[in-house]
Amino acid sequence: RLSCVRNNVWLACCGVLSAGLAVLSSFGLMLFCGVPFVITVANAPFLILGVGVDDMFIMIASWEQSSRKKEKSDVKSLLAETYREAALSVTITTLTDVLAFFIGTWTAFPSVRSFCLYTGTAFVFCYLYTMTFFGAIMVLNHKREDGNRHWLTCIRVEAGQGGTEESCFYNACCIGNCSGQAPQPESEHPMSIFFRKYYGPFFTNKWVKLLVVVLYGAYLGGSIYGCTQMREGIDLRNLASDDSYVIPYYDDDEKYFSEYGPRVMVVVTESVDYWDETVRVGLENCTENLE
């Protein structure tokens, strides 16, 4: 925002920090419990960051909506209203993610099991930090705005400073807006107006709802059909780059040798006297029988 008071740079940074603390807490707990760290776990912070920032936006949006409803309310009422609006969405998101990853711990692959344990635990910590740490940060940021303090230096910005003789850039960075007036309450976001006035009423129309049900039924039927056509396995050529020599090898192997199927190998586990002619004849007979 072009306001040195309403600018929430530090609030956004603390939202990212909240996700980072969740990753550190999860990794520390899992390593303390002896869960092996595999290289795939290194991808977990990006997943936690995405969910953590998403929860941060939900919390901030709910806070601003609550502040517009109750401009004269105290901080406790604003925070309670914010949690009433945002906590359900954040909780459902976290529960589904945690359930998905903890189900993944049932796999027989140790690397996948470790990845799911680390990531699922990180989602739990992300939820706890969002509901506690980030909520406290929003309260501190609200007190800073009420005190009309600068977002970077936290120095009080007096209303009416500056004027037309100063540049717009100076007024935005040091006063709060280009006119030199005290910062005004934040208006409703245009995206919120779009969903409330246009998108919501459009989808609550009975004919549109019927169309949505029909489309969902078609989507569900196509999904079920697709599941019946799915083949289990993996195409090894997809694991190599397009210019790799492995790609022509798999193409030729499928073209010339696919009709033979997998190779069958026989292992003799006992100690055999190969110098005995009778034993060699027996092995050859066994091979012919297998062929």
Foldseek 3Di string as FASTA:
>chain_A
DLFQQPDCPVLLVVLQVLLVVLLVVLVVVCVVVPQDDDPVLVCLSVVSSVLSSVLSVLLVLQLLVLCVVCVPDDPVSSLVSSCVRRVVVNVVVLVVLLVVLCVQLPDPDSNSNSNSSSNSSSSVSSSVCVSPVSSVVVSVSVVLSVQCAGNPPSHHADAQPDAPVDQQSCCSRRQTGSGRGHDDRDDDDPVVVCCVPPVVVVCVPPVNVVVVVVVVVVVVVVVVVVVVVDDDDDDVVVVDDPPDPVNVVVVVCCVPPVVVPDDDDDDDPDDDDPVDPVRVVVVVVVVVVVD
